[in-house]
Structures are given as structure tokens and as C-alpha cells.
N, C-alpha and C. Protein backbone atom coordinates (compact mmCIF):
# COMPACT_ATOMS: atom_id res chain seq x y z
N MET A 1 -2.35 -2.19 20.57
CA MET A 1 -3.19 -1.71 21.49
C MET A 1 -4.59 -1.31 21.01
N SER A 2 -4.96 -1.73 19.99
CA SER A 2 -6.20 -1.43 19.30
C SER A 2 -7.24 -2.17 20.14
N MET A 3 -8.66 -1.58 20.10
CA MET A 3 -9.67 -1.99 20.70
C MET A 3 -10.18 -3.40 19.97
N GLY A 4 -9.92 -3.44 18.77
CA GLY A 4 -10.32 -4.86 17.98
C GLY A 4 -11.48 -5.45 18.40
N GLY A 5 -11.56 -6.61 19.03
CA GLY A 5 -12.58 -7.35 19.32
C GLY A 5 -13.20 -6.94 20.76
N ASN A 6 -12.68 -5.98 21.35
CA ASN A 6 -13.09 -5.63 22.70
C ASN A 6 -14.13 -4.38 22.63
N VAL A 7 -14.49 -3.97 21.41
CA VAL A 7 -15.54 -2.96 21.43
C VAL A 7 -16.64 -3.03 22.20
N ALA A 8 -17.33 -4.28 22.13
CA ALA A 8 -18.47 -4.52 22.94
C ALA A 8 -18.17 -4.24 24.48
N ASN A 9 -17.11 -4.87 24.98
CA ASN A 9 -16.66 -4.65 26.29
C ASN A 9 -16.42 -3.19 26.69
N LEU A 10 -15.69 -2.69 25.92
CA LEU A 10 -15.56 -1.07 26.08
C LEU A 10 -16.70 -0.36 26.01
N ALA A 11 -17.78 -0.68 25.23
CA ALA A 11 -19.17 0.01 25.11
C ALA A 11 -19.79 -0.40 26.67
N GLU A 12 -19.55 -1.59 27.17
CA GLU A 12 -20.24 -1.91 28.26
C GLU A 12 -19.57 -1.15 29.57
N ILE A 13 -18.37 -1.17 29.48
CA ILE A 13 -17.62 -0.30 30.53
C ILE A 13 -17.93 1.16 30.45
N LEU A 14 -18.04 1.61 29.34
CA LEU A 14 -18.49 3.18 29.29
C LEU A 14 -19.80 3.32 29.85
N ARG A 15 -20.73 2.38 29.45
CA ARG A 15 -22.28 2.63 30.03
C ARG A 15 -22.25 2.57 31.63
N SER A 16 -21.66 1.42 32.02
CA SER A 16 -21.57 1.48 33.26
C SER A 16 -20.93 2.56 34.17
N ALA A 17 -19.72 3.21 33.46
CA ALA A 17 -19.01 4.45 34.06
C ALA A 17 -19.78 5.59 34.08
N LEU A 18 -20.62 5.69 33.01
CA LEU A 18 -21.43 6.88 32.96
C LEU A 18 -22.58 7.03 33.80
N ILE A 19 -23.07 5.95 34.50
CA ILE A 19 -23.94 5.79 35.54
C ILE A 19 -23.43 6.09 36.80
N LEU A 20 -22.17 6.18 37.02
CA LEU A 20 -21.67 6.65 38.34
C LEU A 20 -21.89 7.91 38.75
N ASP A 21 -21.92 8.10 39.97
CA ASP A 21 -22.03 9.56 40.49
C ASP A 21 -20.75 10.45 40.16
N VAL A 22 -21.12 11.67 40.09
CA VAL A 22 -20.03 12.48 39.57
C VAL A 22 -18.63 12.46 40.26
N ARG A 23 -18.55 12.16 41.37
CA ARG A 23 -17.27 11.86 42.31
C ARG A 23 -16.67 10.74 41.96
N ASP A 24 -17.34 9.38 41.56
CA ASP A 24 -16.85 8.29 41.39
C ASP A 24 -16.18 8.44 39.87
N ARG A 25 -17.10 9.11 38.93
CA ARG A 25 -16.61 9.37 37.55
C ARG A 25 -15.15 10.13 37.71
N ALA A 26 -15.20 11.12 38.53
CA ALA A 26 -13.84 11.88 38.50
C ALA A 26 -12.78 11.00 39.04
N VAL A 27 -12.88 10.11 39.87
CA VAL A 27 -12.08 9.43 40.51
C VAL A 27 -11.55 8.24 39.25
N LEU A 28 -12.48 7.83 38.70
CA LEU A 28 -12.17 6.85 37.46
C LEU A 28 -11.51 7.66 36.41
N ALA A 29 -11.89 8.95 36.05
CA ALA A 29 -11.18 9.50 35.25
C ALA A 29 -9.65 9.90 35.44
N GLU A 30 -9.47 10.28 36.68
CA GLU A 30 -8.20 10.57 37.03
C GLU A 30 -7.33 9.32 37.23
N ARG A 31 -7.76 8.19 37.55
CA ARG A 31 -6.96 6.90 37.49
C ARG A 31 -6.86 6.52 36.16
N LEU A 32 -7.50 6.74 35.11
CA LEU A 32 -7.38 6.32 33.98
C LEU A 32 -6.31 7.22 33.42
N LEU A 33 -6.24 8.47 33.37
CA LEU A 33 -5.35 9.43 32.81
C LEU A 33 -4.04 9.20 33.52
N ALA A 34 -4.03 8.98 34.86
CA ALA A 34 -2.78 8.54 35.45
C ALA A 34 -1.98 7.33 34.93
N SER A 35 -3.05 6.22 34.54
CA SER A 35 -2.38 5.21 33.85
C SER A 35 -1.58 5.42 32.62
N LEU A 36 -1.98 6.40 31.97
CA LEU A 36 -1.32 6.64 30.65
C LEU A 36 -0.03 7.21 30.96
N ASP A 37 0.55 7.71 31.92
CA ASP A 37 1.73 8.21 32.36
C ASP A 37 2.65 6.91 32.43
N ASP A 38 2.28 5.80 32.58
CA ASP A 38 3.05 4.60 32.51
C ASP A 38 3.30 4.01 31.06
N LEU A 39 2.86 4.74 29.96
CA LEU A 39 3.04 4.21 28.63
C LEU A 39 4.59 4.54 28.28
N SER A 40 5.30 3.71 27.67
CA SER A 40 6.50 3.82 27.04
C SER A 40 6.43 4.88 25.96
N GLU A 41 7.38 5.54 25.43
CA GLU A 41 7.39 6.57 24.36
C GLU A 41 6.86 5.81 23.05
N GLU A 42 7.40 4.43 22.86
CA GLU A 42 6.79 3.76 21.73
C GLU A 42 5.26 3.74 21.82
N GLU A 43 4.77 3.20 22.99
CA GLU A 43 3.51 3.16 22.87
C GLU A 43 2.47 4.36 22.77
N ALA A 44 3.04 5.17 23.41
CA ALA A 44 2.52 6.64 23.28
C ALA A 44 2.31 7.05 21.54
N GLU A 45 3.49 6.98 20.95
CA GLU A 45 3.50 7.30 19.64
C GLU A 45 2.59 6.45 18.72
N GLY A 46 2.49 5.25 19.32
CA GLY A 46 1.58 4.19 18.58
C GLY A 46 0.20 4.60 18.59
N LEU A 47 -0.11 5.13 19.98
CA LEU A 47 -1.64 5.47 20.08
C LEU A 47 -1.94 6.64 19.37
N TRP A 48 -0.96 7.53 19.27
CA TRP A 48 -1.14 8.94 18.48
C TRP A 48 -1.35 8.41 17.08
N ALA A 49 -0.40 7.64 16.65
CA ALA A 49 -0.48 7.31 15.09
C ALA A 49 -1.95 6.52 14.71
N GLU A 50 -2.55 5.77 15.60
CA GLU A 50 -3.80 5.14 15.50
C GLU A 50 -4.76 6.27 15.59
N GLU A 51 -4.72 7.14 16.35
CA GLU A 51 -5.62 8.23 16.42
C GLU A 51 -5.67 9.09 15.27
N ALA A 52 -4.54 9.55 14.60
CA ALA A 52 -4.28 10.32 13.66
C ALA A 52 -4.86 9.54 12.39
N ALA A 53 -4.70 8.24 12.26
CA ALA A 53 -5.27 7.49 11.16
C ALA A 53 -6.66 7.31 11.27
N ARG A 54 -7.36 7.16 12.53
CA ARG A 54 -8.71 7.41 12.69
C ARG A 54 -9.50 8.65 12.22
N ARG A 55 -8.68 9.71 12.51
CA ARG A 55 -9.40 11.11 12.52
C ARG A 55 -9.13 11.22 10.80
N LEU A 56 -8.00 10.84 10.14
CA LEU A 56 -8.14 10.97 8.74
C LEU A 56 -9.20 10.15 8.01
N VAL A 57 -9.62 8.99 8.38
CA VAL A 57 -10.48 8.32 7.90
C VAL A 57 -11.94 9.05 8.02
N GLU A 58 -11.95 9.61 9.29
CA GLU A 58 -13.30 10.34 9.46
C GLU A 58 -13.42 11.64 8.57
N TYR A 59 -12.31 12.29 8.49
CA TYR A 59 -12.23 13.50 7.63
C TYR A 59 -12.56 13.02 6.26
N ARG A 60 -12.00 12.03 5.69
CA ARG A 60 -12.16 11.54 4.16
C ARG A 60 -13.70 11.23 4.03
N ALA A 61 -14.30 10.65 4.88
CA ALA A 61 -15.59 9.88 4.98
C ALA A 61 -16.62 11.16 5.22
N GLY A 62 -16.16 12.38 5.33
CA GLY A 62 -17.02 13.58 5.45
C GLY A 62 -17.81 13.54 6.87
N ARG A 63 -17.14 12.90 7.76
CA ARG A 63 -17.86 12.87 9.27
C ARG A 63 -16.96 13.93 10.16
N ALA A 64 -15.94 14.38 9.65
CA ALA A 64 -15.15 15.50 10.40
C ALA A 64 -14.99 16.70 9.54
N ARG A 65 -14.58 17.84 10.10
CA ARG A 65 -14.00 18.86 9.09
C ARG A 65 -12.87 19.40 9.63
N SER A 66 -12.11 20.10 8.88
CA SER A 66 -10.82 20.68 9.21
C SER A 66 -11.19 21.92 9.73
N VAL A 67 -10.15 22.50 10.57
CA VAL A 67 -10.24 23.81 11.16
C VAL A 67 -8.97 24.39 11.04
N GLU A 68 -8.85 25.52 10.44
CA GLU A 68 -7.70 26.28 10.16
C GLU A 68 -7.10 26.87 11.57
N ALA A 69 -5.60 26.80 11.43
CA ALA A 69 -4.56 26.93 12.51
C ALA A 69 -5.14 28.21 13.18
N HIS A 70 -5.31 29.28 12.79
CA HIS A 70 -5.52 30.60 13.41
C HIS A 70 -6.94 30.40 14.30
N GLU A 71 -7.81 29.62 13.70
CA GLU A 71 -8.95 29.50 14.37
C GLU A 71 -8.73 28.55 15.78
N VAL A 72 -8.01 27.61 15.51
CA VAL A 72 -7.46 26.72 16.65
C VAL A 72 -6.71 27.55 17.73
N ALA A 73 -5.90 28.42 17.25
CA ALA A 73 -4.98 29.18 18.01
C ALA A 73 -6.01 30.23 18.89
N SER A 74 -6.93 30.66 18.06
CA SER A 74 -7.87 31.76 18.82
C SER A 74 -8.77 30.89 19.97
N ARG A 75 -9.16 29.77 19.57
CA ARG A 75 -10.04 29.12 20.62
C ARG A 75 -9.18 28.70 21.72
N ALA A 76 -7.88 28.41 21.55
CA ALA A 76 -6.95 27.99 22.63
C ALA A 76 -6.75 29.02 23.41
N ALA A 77 -6.39 30.17 22.92
CA ALA A 77 -6.06 31.54 23.71
C ALA A 77 -7.28 31.96 24.63
N LYS A 78 -8.56 31.62 24.11
CA LYS A 78 -9.62 32.02 24.84
C LYS A 78 -9.83 30.98 25.96
N LEU A 79 -9.51 29.80 25.74
CA LEU A 79 -9.63 28.79 26.89
C LEU A 79 -8.83 29.20 27.99
N ILE A 80 -7.53 29.59 27.62
CA ILE A 80 -6.45 29.68 28.72
C ILE A 80 -6.48 31.22 29.21
N SER A 81 -7.28 32.05 28.87
CA SER A 81 -7.40 33.54 29.32
C SER A 81 -8.37 33.61 30.21
């Protein structure tokens, strides 16, 4: 379920979506998120594995940084309080 050759199509869809008014973007986002509920456990695990691999590549290339667990927990606590 990789983007592969569809990167140009995805970029065009994203450009089109971003010019929608805020209500239409919200509806689109809600429907896209709801569509993820239909994924099988295997599909979801595969997507997470792809994302983890992508993040590792970004980290190793110096385009992402690590964040210590206590900092993540602190930020999360602030968001939910």
C-alpha cells in the first residue's frame, strides 16, 4: 500500500484539497480518517511498519531528531490538561 508511482497524483490531490474552504477540508479529513477504520489489523501493522522505516531513514539522514521519552510525556500531559 505504498505511494510508489502515485506521488505526483498524491501531490496534486493534496494541492487541490488545501484550496478547499475550511468546512470542506474538515469533511474531507473526517472521511479520510474514517476510511482508516476499515483497515485490517495486517494492513494497519504494515502501514505502521512503513512509517517506522520512513522515520528511521529521516533520522539517519539527519532530517529528524530524537526526543527523549520524558519530554514526549511532558508535552502529551500539557496537551490533555
